[in-house]
Amino acid sequence: MAKEAQPTEATEQTNPVAETETAEAPKPTKRKKARRNVSQGNIYVLATFNNTIVTVTDPKGNVLTNASAGASGFRGSKKGTAYAAQIAAEKAVTAARQTYGVTKVDVFVRGIGLGREAAIRSLVNQKIQVDSVKDITGIPHGGVRPRKPKRN
């Protein structure tokens, strides 16, 4: 009842994986994504003491591009400087203009860092039309609960 093993010739067998790699398979065609053209947008500048974040959005508030002083290559205390804010604003606006065609913006500034004025100045130098500049920095009202009086 012993079955005789038939010799298999490995050299004559074909590898089905190798055949599919050499055969020309039709490649899936990628559809080119329609380029959104957003002529007007909003720019939000968050200027803290430690960093400056610039975000470019469409009028509905959907983010188009963003940049920060940290992402622009500045580290440590240099992120909070006016020059770092200027570079971040230039980077964000350039990307928004090239990708989406943004030409007119409303600027909203939040925070009390050094990058507030520098970011706005760099927007004007980028030949982008600034319609309005609005300060939306939060104002504390009410404050925290005071300490209880000291007993002797």
N, C-alpha and C. Protein backbone atom coordinates (compact mmCIF):
# COMPACT_ATOMS: atom_id res chain seq x y z
N MET A 1 0.81 -1.18 0.00
CA MET A 1 0.00 0.00 0.00
C MET A 1 0.86 1.25 0.00
N ALA A 2 2.09 1.13 -0.14
CA ALA A 2 2.95 2.30 -0.19
C ALA A 2 2.85 2.94 -1.56
N LYS A 3 2.64 4.23 -1.52
CA LYS A 3 2.54 4.97 -2.79
C LYS A 3 3.95 5.35 -3.22
N GLU A 4 4.14 5.25 -4.48
CA GLU A 4 5.43 5.64 -5.01
C GLU A 4 5.45 7.14 -5.23
N ALA A 5 6.44 7.77 -4.71
CA ALA A 5 6.56 9.23 -4.87
C ALA A 5 7.01 9.55 -6.27
N GLN A 6 6.31 10.44 -6.88
CA GLN A 6 6.69 10.83 -8.23
C GLN A 6 7.68 11.98 -8.13
N PRO A 7 8.71 11.92 -8.90
CA PRO A 7 9.70 13.00 -8.83
C PRO A 7 9.10 14.30 -9.40
N THR A 8 9.29 15.35 -8.66
CA THR A 8 8.81 16.66 -9.14
C THR A 8 10.01 17.46 -9.60
N GLU A 9 9.84 18.04 -10.71
CA GLU A 9 10.94 18.83 -11.25
C GLU A 9 10.66 20.30 -10.95
N ALA A 10 11.41 20.87 -10.05
CA ALA A 10 11.22 22.25 -9.61
C ALA A 10 11.58 23.24 -10.71
N THR A 11 12.48 22.81 -11.62
CA THR A 11 12.90 23.74 -12.66
C THR A 11 11.82 23.95 -13.70
N GLU A 12 10.96 22.97 -13.89
CA GLU A 12 9.94 23.10 -14.92
C GLU A 12 8.69 23.77 -14.38
N GLN A 13 8.49 23.77 -13.07
CA GLN A 13 7.29 24.40 -12.52
C GLN A 13 7.41 25.91 -12.63
N THR A 14 6.30 26.53 -12.89
CA THR A 14 6.29 27.99 -13.02
C THR A 14 5.68 28.59 -11.77
N ASN A 15 6.20 29.70 -11.41
CA ASN A 15 5.72 30.41 -10.24
C ASN A 15 4.61 31.37 -10.69
N PRO A 16 3.37 31.19 -10.20
CA PRO A 16 2.29 32.05 -10.67
C PRO A 16 2.47 33.52 -10.26
N VAL A 17 3.19 33.77 -9.18
CA VAL A 17 3.42 35.15 -8.76
C VAL A 17 4.34 35.86 -9.73
N ALA A 18 5.36 35.17 -10.21
CA ALA A 18 6.31 35.76 -11.14
C ALA A 18 5.63 36.09 -12.47
N GLU A 19 4.67 35.26 -12.89
CA GLU A 19 3.99 35.52 -14.14
C GLU A 19 3.17 36.80 -14.07
N THR A 20 2.51 37.04 -12.95
CA THR A 20 1.68 38.23 -12.85
C THR A 20 2.52 39.50 -12.77
N GLU A 21 3.73 39.39 -12.22
CA GLU A 21 4.58 40.57 -12.15
C GLU A 21 5.08 40.96 -13.53
N THR A 22 5.40 39.95 -14.36
CA THR A 22 5.92 40.27 -15.68
C THR A 22 4.81 40.62 -16.65
N ALA A 23 3.62 40.06 -16.45
CA ALA A 23 2.52 40.38 -17.34
C ALA A 23 2.07 41.82 -17.10
N GLU A 24 1.71 42.51 -18.16
CA GLU A 24 1.30 43.90 -18.05
C GLU A 24 -0.13 43.97 -17.54
N ALA A 25 -0.26 44.27 -16.27
CA ALA A 25 -1.60 44.41 -15.68
C ALA A 25 -2.04 45.86 -15.87
N PRO A 26 -3.33 46.08 -16.15
CA PRO A 26 -3.78 47.47 -16.30
C PRO A 26 -3.71 48.20 -14.96
N LYS A 27 -3.04 49.33 -14.96
CA LYS A 27 -2.89 50.10 -13.73
C LYS A 27 -4.15 50.91 -13.49
N PRO A 28 -4.56 51.00 -12.22
CA PRO A 28 -5.76 51.80 -11.94
C PRO A 28 -5.48 53.28 -12.23
N THR A 29 -6.38 53.90 -12.95
CA THR A 29 -6.19 55.30 -13.30
C THR A 29 -6.61 56.18 -12.13
N LYS A 30 -5.75 57.11 -11.78
CA LYS A 30 -6.06 58.03 -10.70
C LYS A 30 -6.75 59.24 -11.30
N ARG A 31 -7.87 59.59 -10.72
CA ARG A 31 -8.54 60.80 -11.17
C ARG A 31 -7.85 61.99 -10.55
N LYS A 32 -7.66 63.01 -11.34
CA LYS A 32 -7.04 64.22 -10.82
C LYS A 32 -8.07 64.96 -9.99
N LYS A 33 -7.69 65.26 -8.76
CA LYS A 33 -8.61 65.95 -7.87
C LYS A 33 -8.84 67.37 -8.37
N ALA A 34 -10.10 67.76 -8.44
CA ALA A 34 -10.42 69.09 -8.93
C ALA A 34 -9.83 70.13 -7.97
N ARG A 35 -9.14 71.10 -8.53
CA ARG A 35 -8.48 72.12 -7.72
C ARG A 35 -9.51 73.11 -7.24
N ARG A 36 -9.61 73.26 -5.93
CA ARG A 36 -10.52 74.24 -5.35
C ARG A 36 -9.94 75.62 -5.54
N ASN A 37 -10.77 76.53 -5.99
CA ASN A 37 -10.32 77.90 -6.14
C ASN A 37 -11.04 78.75 -5.11
N VAL A 38 -10.31 79.19 -4.10
CA VAL A 38 -10.87 79.99 -3.02
C VAL A 38 -10.19 81.35 -3.09
N SER A 39 -10.92 82.37 -3.57
CA SER A 39 -10.28 83.67 -3.73
C SER A 39 -10.24 84.45 -2.42
N GLN A 40 -11.24 84.26 -1.56
CA GLN A 40 -11.28 84.98 -0.29
C GLN A 40 -11.20 83.99 0.85
N GLY A 41 -10.53 84.38 1.93
CA GLY A 41 -10.39 83.49 3.07
C GLY A 41 -10.16 84.26 4.36
N ASN A 42 -9.94 83.52 5.41
CA ASN A 42 -9.64 84.09 6.72
C ASN A 42 -8.27 83.61 7.16
N ILE A 43 -7.56 84.46 7.88
CA ILE A 43 -6.28 84.07 8.45
C ILE A 43 -6.37 84.27 9.95
N TYR A 44 -6.09 83.21 10.69
CA TYR A 44 -6.11 83.26 12.15
C TYR A 44 -4.68 83.19 12.64
N VAL A 45 -4.29 84.16 13.45
CA VAL A 45 -2.93 84.22 14.00
C VAL A 45 -3.05 84.04 15.52
N LEU A 46 -2.49 82.95 16.02
CA LEU A 46 -2.46 82.71 17.46
C LEU A 46 -1.04 83.01 17.93
N ALA A 47 -0.88 84.12 18.63
CA ALA A 47 0.45 84.57 19.05
C ALA A 47 0.58 84.42 20.56
N THR A 48 1.28 83.39 20.99
CA THR A 48 1.55 83.19 22.41
C THR A 48 2.99 83.60 22.68
N PHE A 49 3.39 83.54 23.93
CA PHE A 49 4.77 83.88 24.26
C PHE A 49 5.74 82.81 23.75
N ASN A 50 5.27 81.59 23.59
CA ASN A 50 6.16 80.48 23.23
C ASN A 50 6.12 80.10 21.76
N ASN A 51 5.09 80.50 21.01
CA ASN A 51 4.97 80.07 19.63
C ASN A 51 3.98 80.97 18.92
N THR A 52 3.97 80.92 17.59
CA THR A 52 2.99 81.62 16.78
C THR A 52 2.46 80.65 15.74
N ILE A 53 1.14 80.50 15.68
CA ILE A 53 0.49 79.57 14.75
C ILE A 53 -0.37 80.39 13.80
N VAL A 54 -0.18 80.20 12.50
CA VAL A 54 -0.94 80.91 11.47
C VAL A 54 -1.76 79.89 10.69
N THR A 55 -3.08 80.11 10.63
CA THR A 55 -3.98 79.18 9.94
C THR A 55 -4.77 79.95 8.89
N VAL A 56 -4.80 79.41 7.66
CA VAL A 56 -5.56 80.01 6.58
C VAL A 56 -6.78 79.13 6.34
N THR A 57 -7.98 79.75 6.36
CA THR A 57 -9.22 79.00 6.17
C THR A 57 -10.03 79.62 5.05
N ASP A 58 -11.03 78.88 4.58
CA ASP A 58 -11.98 79.46 3.63
C ASP A 58 -13.04 80.22 4.43
N PRO A 59 -13.96 80.93 3.79
CA PRO A 59 -14.94 81.73 4.56
C PRO A 59 -15.82 80.91 5.50
N LYS A 60 -16.00 79.62 5.22
CA LYS A 60 -16.80 78.77 6.10
C LYS A 60 -16.03 78.33 7.33
N GLY A 61 -14.70 78.43 7.30
CA GLY A 61 -13.88 78.04 8.44
C GLY A 61 -13.13 76.73 8.23
N ASN A 62 -13.22 76.13 7.03
CA ASN A 62 -12.49 74.90 6.74
C ASN A 62 -11.02 75.24 6.50
N VAL A 63 -10.12 74.53 7.16
CA VAL A 63 -8.70 74.84 7.10
C VAL A 63 -8.15 74.51 5.71
N LEU A 64 -7.45 75.48 5.13
CA LEU A 64 -6.75 75.27 3.86
C LEU A 64 -5.29 74.92 4.12
N THR A 65 -4.58 75.80 4.81
CA THR A 65 -3.18 75.54 5.18
C THR A 65 -2.92 76.11 6.56
N ASN A 66 -1.84 75.66 7.16
CA ASN A 66 -1.42 76.24 8.43
C ASN A 66 0.10 76.12 8.54
N ALA A 67 0.65 76.95 9.38
CA ALA A 67 2.09 76.93 9.63
C ALA A 67 2.33 77.50 11.02
N SER A 68 3.45 77.09 11.60
CA SER A 68 3.80 77.62 12.91
C SER A 68 5.30 77.90 12.94
N ALA A 69 5.69 78.65 13.94
CA ALA A 69 7.11 78.97 14.07
C ALA A 69 7.91 77.70 14.34
N GLY A 70 7.34 76.77 15.11
CA GLY A 70 8.03 75.51 15.39
C GLY A 70 8.17 74.65 14.15
N ALA A 71 7.12 74.62 13.31
CA ALA A 71 7.19 73.83 12.08
C ALA A 71 8.10 74.48 11.04
N SER A 72 8.38 75.77 11.20
CA SER A 72 9.25 76.47 10.27
C SER A 72 10.72 76.31 10.61
N GLY A 73 11.03 75.56 11.67
CA GLY A 73 12.41 75.26 11.99
C GLY A 73 12.96 75.96 13.21
N PHE A 74 12.16 76.76 13.88
CA PHE A 74 12.63 77.45 15.07
C PHE A 74 12.41 76.56 16.29
N ARG A 75 13.35 76.60 17.22
CA ARG A 75 13.25 75.77 18.41
C ARG A 75 13.45 76.62 19.66
N GLY A 76 12.86 76.14 20.75
CA GLY A 76 13.06 76.79 22.04
C GLY A 76 12.46 78.18 22.11
N SER A 77 13.18 79.09 22.71
CA SER A 77 12.65 80.44 22.92
C SER A 77 12.61 81.25 21.63
N LYS A 78 13.28 80.77 20.58
CA LYS A 78 13.24 81.48 19.30
C LYS A 78 11.87 81.39 18.62
N LYS A 79 11.05 80.40 19.02
CA LYS A 79 9.72 80.26 18.43
C LYS A 79 8.82 81.43 18.75
N GLY A 80 9.03 82.08 19.86
CA GLY A 80 8.18 83.18 20.27
C GLY A 80 8.58 84.53 19.72
N THR A 81 9.59 84.60 18.85
CA THR A 81 10.07 85.89 18.35
C THR A 81 9.23 86.39 17.19
N ALA A 82 9.38 87.67 16.91
CA ALA A 82 8.64 88.29 15.82
C ALA A 82 9.11 87.76 14.46
N TYR A 83 10.39 87.50 14.33
CA TYR A 83 10.92 86.98 13.06
C TYR A 83 10.35 85.59 12.76
N ALA A 84 10.24 84.76 13.77
CA ALA A 84 9.67 83.43 13.57
C ALA A 84 8.21 83.54 13.14
N ALA A 85 7.47 84.47 13.70
CA ALA A 85 6.07 84.68 13.30
C ALA A 85 5.98 85.15 11.86
N GLN A 86 6.91 86.00 11.46
CA GLN A 86 6.93 86.49 10.08
C GLN A 86 7.16 85.34 9.10
N ILE A 87 8.11 84.47 9.41
CA ILE A 87 8.41 83.33 8.53
C ILE A 87 7.21 82.38 8.46
N ALA A 88 6.56 82.13 9.59
CA ALA A 88 5.41 81.24 9.62
C ALA A 88 4.25 81.80 8.80
N ALA A 89 4.01 83.10 8.90
CA ALA A 89 2.94 83.73 8.14
C ALA A 89 3.23 83.67 6.64
N GLU A 90 4.48 83.93 6.26
CA GLU A 90 4.85 83.85 4.84
C GLU A 90 4.65 82.45 4.31
N LYS A 91 5.03 81.46 5.09
CA LYS A 91 4.91 80.07 4.66
C LYS A 91 3.45 79.68 4.45
N ALA A 92 2.58 80.06 5.38
CA ALA A 92 1.16 79.70 5.29
C ALA A 92 0.49 80.40 4.11
N VAL A 93 0.78 81.68 3.93
CA VAL A 93 0.13 82.44 2.86
C VAL A 93 0.62 82.00 1.49
N THR A 94 1.90 81.71 1.36
CA THR A 94 2.44 81.24 0.09
C THR A 94 1.79 79.92 -0.32
N ALA A 95 1.66 79.00 0.64
CA ALA A 95 1.03 77.72 0.33
C ALA A 95 -0.44 77.90 -0.05
N ALA A 96 -1.14 78.79 0.64
CA ALA A 96 -2.56 79.02 0.34
C ALA A 96 -2.73 79.67 -1.02
N ARG A 97 -1.84 80.59 -1.36
CA ARG A 97 -1.96 81.26 -2.66
C ARG A 97 -1.66 80.30 -3.80
N GLN A 98 -0.62 79.48 -3.65
CA GLN A 98 -0.25 78.56 -4.73
C GLN A 98 -1.26 77.45 -4.90
N THR A 99 -1.77 76.91 -3.80
CA THR A 99 -2.66 75.76 -3.88
C THR A 99 -4.11 76.16 -4.17
N TYR A 100 -4.58 77.23 -3.53
CA TYR A 100 -6.00 77.57 -3.62
C TYR A 100 -6.27 78.91 -4.28
N GLY A 101 -5.29 79.72 -4.54
CA GLY A 101 -5.49 81.00 -5.18
C GLY A 101 -6.09 82.06 -4.28
N VAL A 102 -5.73 82.06 -3.01
CA VAL A 102 -6.27 83.03 -2.06
C VAL A 102 -5.65 84.41 -2.35
N THR A 103 -6.52 85.43 -2.50
CA THR A 103 -6.02 86.78 -2.78
C THR A 103 -6.49 87.80 -1.75
N LYS A 104 -7.69 87.63 -1.20
CA LYS A 104 -8.24 88.57 -0.22
C LYS A 104 -8.48 87.84 1.09
N VAL A 105 -8.11 88.47 2.20
CA VAL A 105 -8.27 87.81 3.50
C VAL A 105 -8.78 88.78 4.56
N ASP A 106 -9.42 88.22 5.56
CA ASP A 106 -9.72 88.89 6.81
C ASP A 106 -8.81 88.26 7.86
N VAL A 107 -8.18 89.09 8.68
CA VAL A 107 -7.21 88.59 9.65
C VAL A 107 -7.83 88.66 11.05
N PHE A 108 -7.71 87.57 11.79
CA PHE A 108 -8.17 87.49 13.16
C PHE A 108 -6.96 87.15 14.03
N VAL A 109 -6.65 88.03 14.99
CA VAL A 109 -5.45 87.87 15.81
C VAL A 109 -5.88 87.54 17.23
N ARG A 110 -5.28 86.50 17.79
CA ARG A 110 -5.57 86.09 19.17
C ARG A 110 -4.25 85.94 19.91
N GLY A 111 -4.20 86.45 21.13
CA GLY A 111 -3.01 86.28 21.95
C GLY A 111 -2.22 87.56 22.11
N ILE A 112 -1.21 87.49 22.99
CA ILE A 112 -0.44 88.69 23.33
C ILE A 112 1.05 88.49 23.10
N GLY A 113 1.40 87.61 22.19
CA GLY A 113 2.81 87.33 21.94
C GLY A 113 3.46 88.38 21.05
N LEU A 114 4.76 88.21 20.82
CA LEU A 114 5.52 89.14 20.00
C LEU A 114 5.18 89.03 18.51
N GLY A 115 4.56 87.94 18.11
CA GLY A 115 4.32 87.71 16.68
C GLY A 115 3.08 88.37 16.13
N ARG A 116 2.33 89.08 16.96
CA ARG A 116 1.07 89.68 16.49
C ARG A 116 1.29 90.62 15.31
N GLU A 117 2.06 91.64 15.53
CA GLU A 117 2.24 92.68 14.51
C GLU A 117 3.10 92.17 13.35
N ALA A 118 4.10 91.36 13.66
CA ALA A 118 5.00 90.88 12.61
C ALA A 118 4.26 90.01 11.60
N ALA A 119 3.32 89.19 12.06
CA ALA A 119 2.57 88.32 11.15
C ALA A 119 1.70 89.16 10.22
N ILE A 120 1.07 90.19 10.75
CA ILE A 120 0.21 91.05 9.92
C ILE A 120 1.05 91.83 8.91
N ARG A 121 2.21 92.34 9.36
CA ARG A 121 3.09 93.07 8.45
C ARG A 121 3.57 92.19 7.31
N SER A 122 3.88 90.93 7.62
CA SER A 122 4.36 90.04 6.55
C SER A 122 3.24 89.71 5.57
N LEU A 123 1.98 89.70 6.02
CA LEU A 123 0.86 89.47 5.11
C LEU A 123 0.75 90.62 4.10
N VAL A 124 0.92 91.84 4.58
CA VAL A 124 0.85 93.00 3.68
C VAL A 124 2.00 92.96 2.69
N ASN A 125 3.18 92.54 3.14
CA ASN A 125 4.34 92.45 2.25
C ASN A 125 4.21 91.34 1.22
N GLN A 126 3.35 90.36 1.48
CA GLN A 126 3.15 89.24 0.55
C GLN A 126 2.22 89.60 -0.60
N LYS A 127 1.81 90.84 -0.71
CA LYS A 127 0.92 91.32 -1.76
C LYS A 127 -0.43 90.60 -1.71
N ILE A 128 -0.92 90.40 -0.50
CA ILE A 128 -2.25 89.82 -0.33
C ILE A 128 -3.13 90.91 0.26
N GLN A 129 -4.34 91.03 -0.27
CA GLN A 129 -5.22 92.13 0.14
C GLN A 129 -5.85 91.81 1.48
N VAL A 130 -5.55 92.63 2.49
CA VAL A 130 -6.09 92.45 3.84
C VAL A 130 -7.30 93.37 3.98
N ASP A 131 -8.50 92.78 4.07
CA ASP A 131 -9.72 93.58 4.18
C ASP A 131 -9.92 94.12 5.58
N SER A 132 -9.70 93.28 6.59
CA SER A 132 -9.91 93.74 7.96
C SER A 132 -8.98 92.98 8.90
N VAL A 133 -8.67 93.61 10.02
CA VAL A 133 -7.88 93.00 11.08
C VAL A 133 -8.69 93.11 12.35
N LYS A 134 -8.96 91.97 12.98
CA LYS A 134 -9.78 91.97 14.18
C LYS A 134 -9.05 91.24 15.30
N ASP A 135 -9.09 91.82 16.50
CA ASP A 135 -8.46 91.20 17.67
C ASP A 135 -9.53 90.39 18.40
N ILE A 136 -9.30 89.08 18.52
CA ILE A 136 -10.26 88.22 19.20
C ILE A 136 -9.67 87.58 20.45
N THR A 137 -8.74 88.30 21.07
CA THR A 137 -8.12 87.82 22.30
C THR A 137 -9.16 87.76 23.41
N GLY A 138 -9.18 86.66 24.14
CA GLY A 138 -10.14 86.51 25.23
C GLY A 138 -9.85 87.47 26.37
N ILE A 139 -10.91 87.98 26.95
CA ILE A 139 -10.78 88.90 28.08
C ILE A 139 -11.35 88.21 29.31
N PRO A 140 -10.56 88.05 30.38
CA PRO A 140 -11.10 87.40 31.56
C PRO A 140 -12.13 88.29 32.25
N HIS A 141 -13.22 87.71 32.66
CA HIS A 141 -14.23 88.45 33.40
C HIS A 141 -14.74 87.54 34.51
N GLY A 142 -14.75 88.06 35.71
CA GLY A 142 -15.13 87.24 36.86
C GLY A 142 -13.90 86.70 37.57
N GLY A 143 -13.04 86.06 36.84
CA GLY A 143 -11.81 85.55 37.41
C GLY A 143 -12.00 84.31 38.26
N VAL A 144 -10.96 83.92 38.97
CA VAL A 144 -11.01 82.73 39.80
C VAL A 144 -11.54 83.08 41.18
N ARG A 145 -11.94 82.09 41.90
CA ARG A 145 -12.47 82.30 43.25
C ARG A 145 -11.35 82.76 44.18
N PRO A 146 -11.60 83.80 44.97
CA PRO A 146 -10.54 84.29 45.88
C PRO A 146 -10.29 83.31 47.01
N ARG A 147 -9.10 83.41 47.60
CA ARG A 147 -8.75 82.56 48.73
C ARG A 147 -9.60 82.90 49.93
N LYS A 148 -9.83 81.89 50.77
CA LYS A 148 -10.59 82.18 52.00
C LYS A 148 -9.73 83.00 52.94
N PRO A 149 -10.35 83.81 53.80
CA PRO A 149 -9.56 84.68 54.68
C PRO A 149 -8.74 83.87 55.68
N LYS A 150 -7.56 84.40 56.04
CA LYS A 150 -6.64 83.72 56.93
C LYS A 150 -7.14 83.82 58.38
N ARG A 151 -7.09 82.70 59.10
CA ARG A 151 -7.49 82.71 60.52
C ARG A 151 -6.24 82.64 61.39
N ASN A 152 -6.24 83.39 62.49
CA ASN A 152 -5.10 83.38 63.40
C ASN A 152 -5.30 82.42 64.52
